[in-house]
């Protein structure tokens, strides 16, 4: 298995991974456009775990500057590992690459969110040293009308 930057040709396989995570009805052309947008943005990156052309997982991470203090922070916006290889080290390899990207960007911290029902994922993150912030802060979301 190698970990490499995501490419537009990966879109169909990535869509299968996204569906496994609960994001159905992916459109290949839209996924290609998102990959290209991430490739063009130096503050963002996406890597795939590739086993001879079979994509086993993907991680996407974005870096941004703090507004209220000096420094940068990173956010893992997606981590998906194929259902049939979970628990075999793929997620760890992908997270290591995301953490290296964050460190190279001078980030003070890396964060992510995970659905309450994904308890196995929570144990994975805690095993990597991530601290569950539930109870310390709340997460809010609102849809924004597109113009």
Protein backbone atom coordinates (compact mmCIF):
# COMPACT_ATOMS: atom_id res chain seq x y z
CA UNK A 1 0.00 0.00 0.00
CA UNK A 2 1.19 3.49 -0.84
CA UNK A 3 -0.23 6.79 0.33
CA UNK A 4 -0.30 9.37 -2.46
CA UNK A 5 -2.09 12.60 -3.36
CA UNK A 6 -5.64 12.13 -4.61
CA UNK A 7 -6.08 12.53 -8.36
CA UNK A 8 -9.19 13.24 -10.47
CA UNK A 9 -9.07 9.66 -11.80
CA UNK A 10 -9.72 8.49 -8.21
CA UNK A 11 -13.21 10.02 -8.18
CA UNK A 12 -15.26 6.86 -8.91
CA UNK A 13 -13.46 4.88 -6.19
CA UNK A 14 -13.73 7.79 -3.75
CA UNK A 15 -17.47 7.94 -4.36
CA UNK A 16 -17.76 4.31 -3.26
CA UNK A 17 -15.88 5.15 -0.05
CA UNK A 18 -18.11 8.20 0.56
CA UNK A 19 -21.20 6.01 0.13
CA UNK A 20 -19.83 3.57 2.73
CA UNK A 21 -19.60 6.49 5.14
CA UNK A 22 -23.21 7.48 4.49
CA UNK A 23 -22.94 10.05 1.71
CA UNK A 24 -24.92 8.46 -1.14
CA UNK A 25 -25.61 9.67 -4.66
CA UNK A 26 -22.15 11.00 -5.40
CA UNK A 27 -21.65 12.41 -8.91
CA UNK A 28 -18.26 11.64 -10.43
CA UNK A 29 -17.96 15.01 -12.17
CA UNK A 30 -18.60 16.83 -8.88
CA UNK A 31 -16.01 14.73 -7.09
CA UNK A 32 -13.48 15.44 -9.85
CA UNK A 33 -14.15 19.18 -9.45
CA UNK A 34 -13.65 18.97 -5.68
CA UNK A 35 -10.37 17.08 -6.10
CA UNK A 36 -9.13 19.71 -8.56
CA UNK A 37 -10.14 22.52 -6.20
CA UNK A 38 -8.23 20.89 -3.36
CA UNK A 39 -5.20 20.34 -5.62
CA UNK A 40 -5.19 24.05 -6.48
CA UNK A 41 -5.39 25.20 -2.85
CA UNK A 42 -2.03 25.09 -1.04
CA UNK A 43 -3.80 25.13 2.33
CA UNK A 44 -5.65 21.90 1.55
CA UNK A 45 -4.60 18.37 0.68
CA UNK A 46 -6.18 14.99 0.13
CA UNK A 47 -4.35 11.67 0.16
CA UNK A 48 -5.48 8.19 -0.77
CA UNK A 49 -4.27 4.79 0.36
CA UNK A 50 -3.69 2.84 -2.85
CA UNK A 51 -3.07 -0.91 -2.98
CA UNK A 52 -2.26 -1.65 -6.59
CA UNK A 53 -5.00 0.58 -7.95
CA UNK A 54 -7.52 -0.40 -5.27
CA UNK A 55 -8.29 2.62 -3.09
CA UNK A 56 -8.50 1.61 0.55
CA UNK A 57 -9.10 5.04 2.06
CA UNK A 58 -8.85 8.80 1.83
CA UNK A 59 -8.02 11.66 4.16
CA UNK A 60 -8.54 15.36 3.46
CA UNK A 61 -7.10 18.09 5.66
CA UNK A 62 -7.31 21.87 5.54
CA UNK A 63 -4.99 24.37 7.25
CA UNK A 64 -5.96 27.89 8.23
CA UNK A 65 -4.63 30.70 10.37
CA UNK A 66 -6.10 31.44 13.75
CA UNK A 67 -7.84 34.78 13.86
CA UNK A 68 -7.72 35.33 17.62
CA UNK A 69 -4.05 34.42 18.07
CA UNK A 70 -0.86 33.74 16.18
CA UNK A 71 -0.39 30.44 14.38
CA UNK A 72 -2.25 27.93 12.28
CA UNK A 73 -4.60 25.06 12.97
CA UNK A 74 -5.65 22.10 10.84
CA UNK A 75 -8.92 20.30 10.40
CA UNK A 76 -9.40 16.80 9.05
CA UNK A 77 -12.53 17.27 6.97
CA UNK A 78 -12.75 13.67 5.75
CA UNK A 79 -11.32 10.31 6.71
CA UNK A 80 -12.81 7.21 5.14
CA UNK A 81 -11.39 3.70 5.20
CA UNK A 82 -12.99 0.91 3.16
CA UNK A 83 -15.19 -1.26 5.35
CA UNK A 84 -13.32 -4.45 4.49
CA UNK A 85 -9.91 -3.14 5.63
CA UNK A 86 -10.83 -1.21 8.76
CA UNK A 87 -8.60 -2.06 11.70
CA UNK A 88 -5.65 -2.97 9.46
CA UNK A 89 -3.62 0.24 9.77
CA UNK A 90 -4.92 2.13 6.75
CA UNK A 91 -6.51 4.89 8.83
CA UNK A 92 -3.36 5.25 10.90
CA UNK A 93 -1.23 5.71 7.79
CA UNK A 94 -3.63 8.31 6.40
CA UNK A 95 -3.84 10.21 9.68
CA UNK A 96 -0.03 10.23 9.93
CA UNK A 97 0.13 11.94 6.53
CA UNK A 98 -2.52 14.47 7.61
CA UNK A 99 -0.61 15.18 10.82
CA UNK A 100 2.65 15.61 8.87
CA UNK A 101 0.93 18.11 6.54
CA UNK A 102 -0.34 20.04 9.58
CA UNK A 103 3.08 20.03 11.25
CA UNK A 104 4.80 21.24 8.07
CA UNK A 105 2.29 24.10 7.92
CA UNK A 106 3.24 25.15 11.45
CA UNK A 107 -0.07 24.15 13.00
CA UNK A 108 -0.50 24.29 16.75
CA UNK A 109 -3.28 21.69 16.65
CA UNK A 110 -5.29 19.42 14.43
CA UNK A 111 -8.96 18.74 15.01
CA UNK A 112 -11.83 16.80 13.53
CA UNK A 113 -15.43 15.95 14.21
CA UNK A 114 -17.04 12.53 14.21
CA UNK A 115 -20.66 11.47 14.44
CA UNK A 116 -21.75 10.37 17.91
CA UNK A 117 -22.68 6.95 16.50
CA UNK A 118 -19.14 6.23 15.22
CA UNK A 119 -17.81 4.90 18.52
CA UNK A 120 -15.15 2.72 16.84
CA UNK A 121 -13.80 5.82 15.09
CA UNK A 122 -13.74 7.65 18.42
CA UNK A 123 -11.62 4.89 19.95
CA UNK A 124 -9.29 5.07 16.93
CA UNK A 125 -8.81 8.84 17.34
CA UNK A 126 -8.30 8.57 21.09
CA UNK A 127 -5.71 5.86 20.46
CA UNK A 128 -3.82 8.38 18.32
CA UNK A 129 -3.82 10.93 21.15
CA UNK A 130 -6.86 12.97 20.17
CA UNK A 131 -8.89 14.24 23.12
CA UNK A 132 -12.67 14.09 22.91
CA UNK A 133 -13.96 17.61 23.48
CA UNK A 134 -17.58 16.59 24.00
CA UNK A 135 -18.86 18.43 27.04
CA UNK A 136 -16.23 21.16 26.67
CA UNK A 137 -17.78 22.83 23.66
CA UNK A 138 -20.80 22.53 21.42
CA UNK A 139 -20.89 22.28 17.66
CA UNK A 140 -23.44 24.30 15.71
CA UNK A 141 -24.35 24.22 12.06
CA UNK A 142 -26.63 26.18 9.76
CA UNK A 143 -27.21 25.82 6.06
CA UNK A 144 -26.31 28.91 4.02
CA UNK A 145 -28.34 29.94 1.00
CA UNK A 146 -26.22 29.88 -2.14
CA UNK A 147 -26.11 32.96 -4.31
